[in-house]
Amino acid sequence: MKLDAYNGSLPSLVSTTYSWTKVSNIIFLDQPVGTGFSYSRTSLHNKPSDSGEAKRIHEFLQNWLGKHQDFTSNPFYAAGDSYSGMIIPALVQEISKGNYQCCNPPINLQGYMLGNPITEHSGVNYRIPYAHGMALISDELYESLKRVCKGEYAYVDSRNTECLKLLEEYNKCTDRITLFIIQHPLCETETPNCYIYRYLLSTYWANDKTVRKALQINEESIGEWIRCNLDIPYNHDIVSSVPYHKNNSISGYRSLIFSGDHDMAVPYLGTQAWIRSLNYSIIDDWRPWMINDQIAGYTRTYANKMTFATIKGGGHTPEYKPEESFIMFERWISGQPL
C-alpha cells in the first residue's frame, strides 16, 4: 500500500516483486467467522474456539477443493502467523486424520509453516530475557528479576511484592516500545512515515465501496471492516500447540518455523525453547542464511523435517522484511536449503 498522507480518497496499492503468490497458489482465509470479510449465512450454535476452528477450516478446505478439483493433486501446506500458532498445528493433525478416515479425495498435505507463532501462553515469559538481550534493560535489573520472580513474569503471585516492583521498573524501560518491532517510540498510526500507518490505510481501503464490489463482497454480509476485531466471543481451548507439533512430526510432515528477530510480542527465544522440547536431533546446525552475500538471518534444521529460521531485523509479521521473507519462503517451498 502506498504510504501517502490520507486525503479522503481511496488509498493506492503498489505492485511488489515479493508476493508469495508468484511461487505458489494461496488461499487467503479470514477466520473465525466475523473477522475480515468472512461471515455465516446461519447462526453459530457454539462460539468459535481453537479446536473448533481447526475442524471448521478443514471442512472449508474439503468443500473448496470439492468445487476446484483441478487443485486436489497440488501439494498442500497450511500457514499462518502469530495466534495461528495455536490453530495451524491442530489443523494439520485434523487434515491428516481426515485423510485416513474420510471417503472424500484426500488433501495432499505435505507440511506447514508458521511465523512468530504463539505456541504456549507461558511464552510471554521470554519477553524479559529478550529485552535484556536487546539491551533494553540493565544487567542488574535482569539479574534481580530472574532471582526474585524465578522466571515467572506473566502470572505473578500478588504476595510477591518485590517481583511486582521490579516489573514496574521493567515496564518503565519498555512501555514506549511497540512489541511487534523495535522502532521509533513516538510512532503513531496517523503518521505517514510510521510503519504501522499502512494498517490505518488498509481500513480505509477495505471499507471503500468500489473495493468491496471488485472483491465481490456481499453487501449485506458484514458492516464495517475491522483489522483486529477483538469483540468476537472466542474460547481459547488449546493451552499449548506443542503436542500437535509432536504428532505432526511423527507423521513426517515438513515444517518451517520462522521468527523476526526484532519481535518482542513472540520472541524467538520462546520459539527456540519449545522446538528444543520436541527433542529431535539437529541435522543442519546453526548457520547464517544468505541473500546476495548478505546475512538475511540464521537457521537450523532438525531430524523431524522442521526448519527454524530468523529474519534479521524482522518484526512480528513477514511484511517488515518482504524480500527476505519471500526468498526464505521460495527456497523452503521448493525444497531447497535456506
Protein backbone atom coordinates (compact mmCIF):
# COMPACT_ATOMS: atom_id res chain seq x y z
CA MET A 1 0.00 0.00 0.00
CA LYS A 2 1.33 3.43 -0.97
CA LEU A 3 2.09 5.39 2.19
CA ASP A 4 0.79 8.80 1.14
CA ALA A 5 -0.93 11.02 3.68
CA TYR A 6 -4.62 10.14 3.68
CA ASN A 7 -6.69 12.84 1.95
CA GLY A 8 -10.08 11.15 1.87
CA SER A 9 -9.59 9.38 -1.46
CA LEU A 10 -9.03 5.66 -1.98
CA PRO A 11 -5.54 4.62 -0.78
CA SER A 12 -3.38 3.27 -3.61
CA LEU A 13 -1.94 -0.21 -3.91
CA VAL A 14 1.55 -0.71 -5.30
CA SER A 15 2.88 -3.72 -7.15
CA THR A 16 5.53 -5.77 -5.39
CA THR A 17 8.07 -8.25 -6.68
CA TYR A 18 7.94 -10.09 -3.35
CA SER A 19 4.43 -11.55 -3.42
CA TRP A 20 4.36 -15.18 -2.35
CA THR A 21 1.66 -15.80 -4.99
CA LYS A 22 4.46 -15.66 -7.58
CA VAL A 23 5.67 -19.10 -6.47
CA SER A 24 2.51 -20.78 -5.14
CA ASN A 25 -1.27 -20.78 -5.25
CA ILE A 26 -2.54 -19.27 -1.99
CA ILE A 27 -5.99 -19.33 -0.40
CA PHE A 28 -6.33 -16.37 1.96
CA LEU A 29 -8.82 -17.28 4.67
CA ASP A 30 -10.35 -14.91 7.24
CA GLN A 31 -11.19 -16.88 10.38
CA PRO A 32 -13.00 -17.20 12.69
CA VAL A 33 -16.32 -16.12 11.20
CA GLY A 34 -16.75 -12.38 11.72
CA THR A 35 -13.14 -11.45 11.08
CA GLY A 36 -12.12 -9.72 7.87
CA PHE A 37 -14.74 -10.30 5.17
CA SER A 38 -15.88 -13.69 6.49
CA TYR A 39 -19.49 -14.27 7.51
CA SER A 40 -22.02 -17.04 8.02
CA ARG A 41 -25.49 -17.37 6.50
CA THR A 42 -26.61 -19.37 9.53
CA SER A 43 -26.31 -18.61 13.23
CA LEU A 44 -23.46 -20.30 15.06
CA HIS A 45 -24.60 -22.50 17.95
CA ASN A 46 -21.19 -22.58 19.60
CA LYS A 47 -18.76 -19.70 19.90
CA PRO A 48 -15.53 -20.15 17.92
CA SER A 49 -12.64 -21.94 19.61
CA ASP A 50 -9.11 -23.07 18.79
CA SER A 51 -10.03 -26.71 18.29
CA GLY A 52 -13.34 -25.82 16.65
CA GLU A 53 -11.59 -23.59 14.10
CA ALA A 54 -9.22 -26.41 13.14
CA LYS A 55 -12.27 -28.54 12.30
CA ARG A 56 -14.07 -25.70 10.53
CA ILE A 57 -11.06 -24.81 8.35
CA HIS A 58 -10.68 -28.48 7.44
CA GLU A 59 -14.32 -28.56 6.39
CA PHE A 60 -13.84 -25.37 4.36
CA LEU A 61 -10.82 -26.87 2.55
CA GLN A 62 -12.73 -30.05 1.72
CA ASN A 63 -15.62 -28.02 0.29
CA TRP A 64 -13.32 -25.66 -1.61
CA LEU A 65 -11.30 -28.48 -3.17
CA GLY A 66 -14.53 -30.30 -3.98
CA LYS A 67 -15.51 -27.30 -6.11
CA HIS A 68 -12.00 -26.78 -7.55
CA GLN A 69 -10.83 -30.30 -8.25
CA ASP A 70 -8.03 -29.16 -10.57
CA PHE A 71 -6.10 -28.31 -7.38
CA THR A 72 -6.59 -31.60 -5.50
CA SER A 73 -3.26 -33.05 -6.67
CA ASN A 74 -1.30 -29.93 -5.69
CA PRO A 75 0.97 -30.27 -2.65
CA PHE A 76 -0.84 -28.54 0.23
CA TYR A 77 0.79 -26.56 3.03
CA ALA A 78 -1.05 -24.80 5.86
CA ALA A 79 0.43 -21.49 7.01
CA GLY A 80 -0.24 -18.69 9.46
CA ASP A 81 1.26 -16.07 11.74
CA SER A 82 1.04 -15.11 15.39
CA TYR A 83 -2.04 -16.64 17.10
CA SER A 84 -2.33 -19.06 14.19
CA GLY A 85 0.43 -20.90 16.02
CA MET A 86 -2.35 -22.32 18.20
CA ILE A 87 -4.58 -23.27 15.23
CA ILE A 88 -2.39 -24.43 12.34
CA PRO A 89 -0.71 -27.40 14.10
CA ALA A 90 -4.16 -28.64 15.18
CA LEU A 91 -5.44 -28.10 11.63
CA VAL A 92 -2.58 -30.16 10.18
CA GLN A 93 -3.41 -33.00 12.58
CA GLU A 94 -7.11 -32.69 11.68
CA ILE A 95 -6.38 -32.90 7.94
CA SER A 96 -4.02 -35.83 8.47
CA LYS A 97 -6.62 -37.78 10.44
CA GLY A 98 -9.32 -36.88 7.94
CA ASN A 99 -7.26 -38.19 5.05
CA TYR A 100 -7.39 -41.66 6.62
CA GLN A 101 -10.96 -41.57 7.91
CA CYS A 102 -12.93 -39.75 5.25
CA CYS A 103 -14.28 -41.05 1.94
CA ASN A 104 -13.55 -37.81 0.06
CA PRO A 105 -10.36 -37.47 -2.02
CA PRO A 106 -7.57 -36.76 0.47
CA ILE A 107 -5.97 -33.34 0.77
CA ASN A 108 -2.39 -33.67 -0.50
CA LEU A 109 -0.94 -32.43 2.79
CA GLN A 110 2.84 -32.00 2.78
CA GLY A 111 3.56 -29.72 5.73
CA TYR A 112 3.02 -26.37 7.40
CA MET A 113 4.64 -23.02 8.04
CA LEU A 114 4.35 -20.62 10.98
CA GLY A 115 5.70 -17.12 11.50
CA ASN A 116 6.34 -15.82 15.04
CA PRO A 117 3.82 -18.33 16.37
CA ILE A 118 2.14 -18.16 19.73
CA THR A 119 2.58 -21.73 20.95
CA GLU A 120 2.18 -21.68 24.73
CA HIS A 121 0.64 -18.94 26.85
CA SER A 122 3.75 -19.06 29.03
CA GLY A 123 5.72 -17.70 26.06
CA VAL A 124 5.40 -14.14 27.34
CA ASN A 125 7.96 -15.06 30.00
CA TYR A 126 10.61 -14.84 27.28
CA ARG A 127 10.00 -11.13 26.72
CA ILE A 128 12.21 -10.13 29.65
CA PRO A 129 15.22 -12.27 28.61
CA TYR A 130 14.71 -10.91 25.10
CA ALA A 131 14.61 -7.30 26.37
CA HIS A 132 17.85 -7.93 28.23
CA GLY A 133 19.49 -9.42 25.15
CA MET A 134 18.44 -6.34 23.15
CA ALA A 135 19.99 -4.02 25.80
CA LEU A 136 16.60 -2.57 26.74
CA ILE A 137 17.10 -3.26 30.44
CA SER A 138 20.22 -3.28 32.59
CA ASP A 139 22.14 -6.37 33.66
CA GLU A 140 21.36 -5.54 37.27
CA LEU A 141 17.59 -5.31 36.70
CA TYR A 142 17.59 -8.54 34.69
CA GLU A 143 19.50 -10.47 37.34
CA SER A 144 17.15 -9.17 40.04
CA LEU A 145 14.09 -10.15 38.00
CA LYS A 146 15.45 -13.66 37.47
CA ARG A 147 16.28 -14.10 41.15
CA VAL A 148 13.10 -12.64 42.65
CA CYS A 149 10.47 -13.65 40.06
CA LYS A 150 12.08 -17.03 39.33
CA GLY A 151 11.28 -16.86 35.62
CA GLU A 152 7.54 -16.23 36.03
CA TYR A 153 6.67 -12.73 34.81
CA ALA A 154 3.17 -13.16 33.41
CA TYR A 155 1.25 -14.64 36.35
CA VAL A 156 2.95 -13.22 39.42
CA ASP A 157 1.74 -14.09 42.90
CA SER A 158 0.27 -10.87 44.35
CA ARG A 159 2.17 -11.56 47.57
CA ASN A 160 5.49 -11.32 45.72
CA THR A 161 5.60 -7.53 46.01
CA GLU A 162 9.33 -7.37 45.28
CA CYS A 163 8.80 -9.03 41.90
CA LEU A 164 5.90 -6.70 41.10
CA LYS A 165 8.05 -3.69 41.94
CA LEU A 166 10.83 -4.93 39.66
CA LEU A 167 8.30 -5.44 36.87
CA GLU A 168 7.27 -1.82 37.26
CA GLU A 169 10.90 -0.85 36.67
CA TYR A 170 10.98 -3.12 33.63
CA ASN A 171 7.81 -1.51 32.23
CA LYS A 172 9.30 1.97 32.64
CA CYS A 173 12.11 0.90 30.33
CA THR A 174 9.93 -0.79 27.70
CA ASP A 175 6.40 0.62 27.74
CA ARG A 176 7.08 3.03 24.86
CA ILE A 177 8.48 0.31 22.63
CA THR A 178 5.96 -1.46 20.43
CA LEU A 179 6.03 -5.21 20.98
CA PHE A 180 5.91 -6.07 17.31
CA ILE A 181 9.03 -4.29 16.09
CA ILE A 182 11.51 -2.05 17.84
CA GLN A 183 11.02 1.32 16.18
CA HIS A 184 10.66 5.00 16.99
CA PRO A 185 8.79 5.23 20.33
CA LEU A 186 6.72 8.23 19.17
CA CYS A 187 5.40 6.39 16.12
CA GLU A 188 1.63 6.79 15.82
CA THR A 189 -0.78 5.32 13.29
CA GLU A 190 -1.64 8.79 11.96
CA THR A 191 1.99 9.48 10.98
CA PRO A 192 2.65 8.64 7.29
CA ASN A 193 6.33 7.82 7.85
CA CYS A 194 5.42 5.32 10.59
CA TYR A 195 5.48 1.68 9.53
CA ILE A 196 2.11 0.78 11.05
CA TYR A 197 0.44 3.70 9.26
CA ARG A 198 -0.41 1.22 6.50
CA TYR A 199 -2.78 -0.53 8.92
CA LEU A 200 -4.85 2.65 9.11
CA LEU A 201 -4.83 2.96 5.32
CA SER A 202 -5.89 -0.67 4.91
CA THR A 203 -9.02 0.08 6.94
CA TYR A 204 -9.95 2.95 4.64
CA TRP A 205 -9.22 0.77 1.60
CA ALA A 206 -11.20 -2.29 2.75
CA ASN A 207 -14.27 -0.19 3.64
CA ASP A 208 -14.42 1.53 0.25
CA LYS A 209 -17.49 0.56 -1.81
CA THR A 210 -15.55 0.16 -5.06
CA VAL A 211 -13.09 -2.19 -3.37
CA ARG A 212 -15.88 -4.33 -1.94
CA LYS A 213 -17.55 -4.51 -5.34
CA ALA A 214 -14.29 -5.54 -7.03
CA LEU A 215 -13.74 -8.24 -4.39
CA GLN A 216 -17.36 -9.41 -4.83
CA ILE A 217 -18.14 -8.91 -1.16
CA ASN A 218 -21.80 -9.49 -0.36
CA GLU A 219 -23.10 -6.04 0.64
CA GLU A 220 -25.24 -7.48 3.41
CA SER A 221 -22.60 -9.82 4.79
CA ILE A 222 -20.69 -7.54 7.15
CA GLY A 223 -20.74 -3.97 8.34
CA GLU A 224 -17.51 -2.12 8.88
CA TRP A 225 -14.29 -4.00 8.09
CA ILE A 226 -12.13 -4.03 11.22
CA ARG A 227 -8.50 -5.07 11.01
CA CYS A 228 -8.40 -6.54 14.52
CA ASN A 229 -11.90 -7.39 15.68
CA LEU A 230 -11.41 -8.23 19.35
CA ASP A 231 -15.12 -8.23 20.19
CA ILE A 232 -15.86 -11.69 18.77
CA PRO A 233 -16.57 -14.23 21.57
CA TYR A 234 -13.87 -16.88 21.45
CA ASN A 235 -12.83 -19.91 23.50
CA HIS A 236 -9.06 -20.37 23.82
CA ASP A 237 -9.25 -24.10 24.46
CA ILE A 238 -5.77 -25.12 23.28
CA VAL A 239 -3.32 -24.36 26.09
CA SER A 240 -0.28 -25.47 24.11
CA SER A 241 0.15 -26.50 20.49
CA VAL A 242 3.34 -28.44 21.25
CA PRO A 243 1.51 -31.82 21.40
CA TYR A 244 0.21 -31.17 17.88
CA HIS A 245 3.73 -30.38 16.67
CA LYS A 246 4.84 -33.70 18.18
CA ASN A 247 2.11 -35.64 16.39
CA ASN A 248 2.75 -33.86 13.09
CA SER A 249 6.47 -34.64 13.43
CA ILE A 250 5.68 -38.32 13.97
CA SER A 251 3.51 -38.22 10.84
CA GLY A 252 6.52 -36.94 8.87
CA TYR A 253 5.27 -33.53 7.73
CA ARG A 254 7.74 -30.81 6.81
CA SER A 255 7.58 -27.54 8.72
CA LEU A 256 9.16 -24.09 8.63
CA ILE A 257 9.04 -22.05 11.82
CA PHE A 258 10.41 -18.53 11.41
CA SER A 259 10.82 -15.51 13.65
CA GLY A 260 11.59 -11.88 13.01
CA ASP A 261 14.41 -11.29 15.48
CA HIS A 262 13.02 -7.85 16.42
CA ASP A 263 9.65 -9.20 17.55
CA MET A 264 9.09 -8.64 21.26
CA ALA A 265 5.49 -9.94 21.22
CA VAL A 266 6.55 -13.53 20.49
CA PRO A 267 10.33 -13.52 20.99
CA TYR A 268 12.38 -16.06 19.09
CA LEU A 269 13.80 -17.26 22.44
CA GLY A 270 10.46 -18.81 23.35
CA THR A 271 10.10 -20.36 19.90
CA GLN A 272 13.53 -21.94 20.17
CA ALA A 273 12.64 -23.29 23.62
CA TRP A 274 9.54 -25.24 22.55
CA ILE A 275 11.31 -26.53 19.44
CA ARG A 276 14.08 -27.89 21.68
CA SER A 277 11.42 -29.53 23.86
CA LEU A 278 10.47 -31.78 20.92
CA ASN A 279 13.87 -33.38 21.48
CA TYR A 280 14.84 -34.05 17.87
CA SER A 281 18.48 -34.14 16.84
CA ILE A 282 19.99 -31.36 14.73
CA ILE A 283 20.90 -32.30 11.17
CA ASP A 284 21.95 -28.84 9.91
CA ASP A 285 23.35 -26.76 12.75
CA TRP A 286 23.05 -23.03 13.39
CA ARG A 287 24.33 -21.03 10.45
CA PRO A 288 23.58 -17.80 8.60
CA TRP A 289 21.38 -17.92 5.54
CA MET A 290 22.36 -15.50 2.82
CA ILE A 291 20.92 -13.25 0.12
CA ASN A 292 23.50 -11.79 -2.29
CA ASP A 293 26.34 -12.45 0.16
CA GLN A 294 24.46 -10.61 2.92
CA ILE A 295 23.22 -12.30 6.08
CA ALA A 296 19.41 -12.41 5.97
CA GLY A 297 19.04 -14.38 9.19
CA TYR A 298 20.06 -17.63 10.85
CA THR A 299 18.69 -21.14 10.53
CA ARG A 300 18.81 -24.65 11.94
CA THR A 301 17.13 -27.87 10.76
CA TYR A 302 16.06 -30.85 12.85
CA ALA A 303 15.56 -34.54 12.17
CA ASN A 304 11.76 -34.16 12.20
CA LYS A 305 11.97 -32.10 8.97
CA MET A 306 11.45 -28.91 10.98
CA THR A 307 13.45 -25.86 9.94
CA PHE A 308 13.76 -22.87 12.25
CA ALA A 309 14.85 -19.55 10.77
CA THR A 310 15.25 -15.99 11.95
CA ILE A 311 14.78 -12.96 9.72
CA LYS A 312 17.36 -10.37 10.65
CA GLY A 313 15.71 -7.07 11.54
CA GLY A 314 12.24 -8.56 11.05
CA GLY A 315 9.20 -7.81 13.20
CA HIS A 316 6.09 -9.81 14.10
CA THR A 317 4.91 -10.48 10.55
CA PRO A 318 6.70 -11.04 7.20
CA GLU A 319 5.92 -7.66 5.65
CA TYR A 320 8.57 -5.97 7.81
CA LYS A 321 11.21 -7.66 5.61
CA PRO A 322 9.40 -8.51 2.36
CA GLU A 323 12.40 -9.50 0.22
CA GLU A 324 13.97 -11.72 2.86
CA SER A 325 10.62 -13.32 3.74
CA PHE A 326 9.82 -14.02 0.09
CA ILE A 327 13.20 -15.61 -0.65
CA MET A 328 13.01 -17.70 2.53
CA PHE A 329 9.55 -18.95 1.50
CA GLU A 330 10.57 -19.55 -2.11
CA ARG A 331 13.55 -21.67 -1.10
CA TRP A 332 11.71 -23.68 1.53
CA ILE A 333 8.55 -24.40 -0.51
CA SER A 334 10.73 -25.68 -3.38
CA GLY A 335 12.69 -27.97 -1.07
CA GLN A 336 15.95 -26.02 -1.21
CA PRO A 337 18.05 -25.35 1.89
CA LEU A 338 17.82 -21.76 3.07
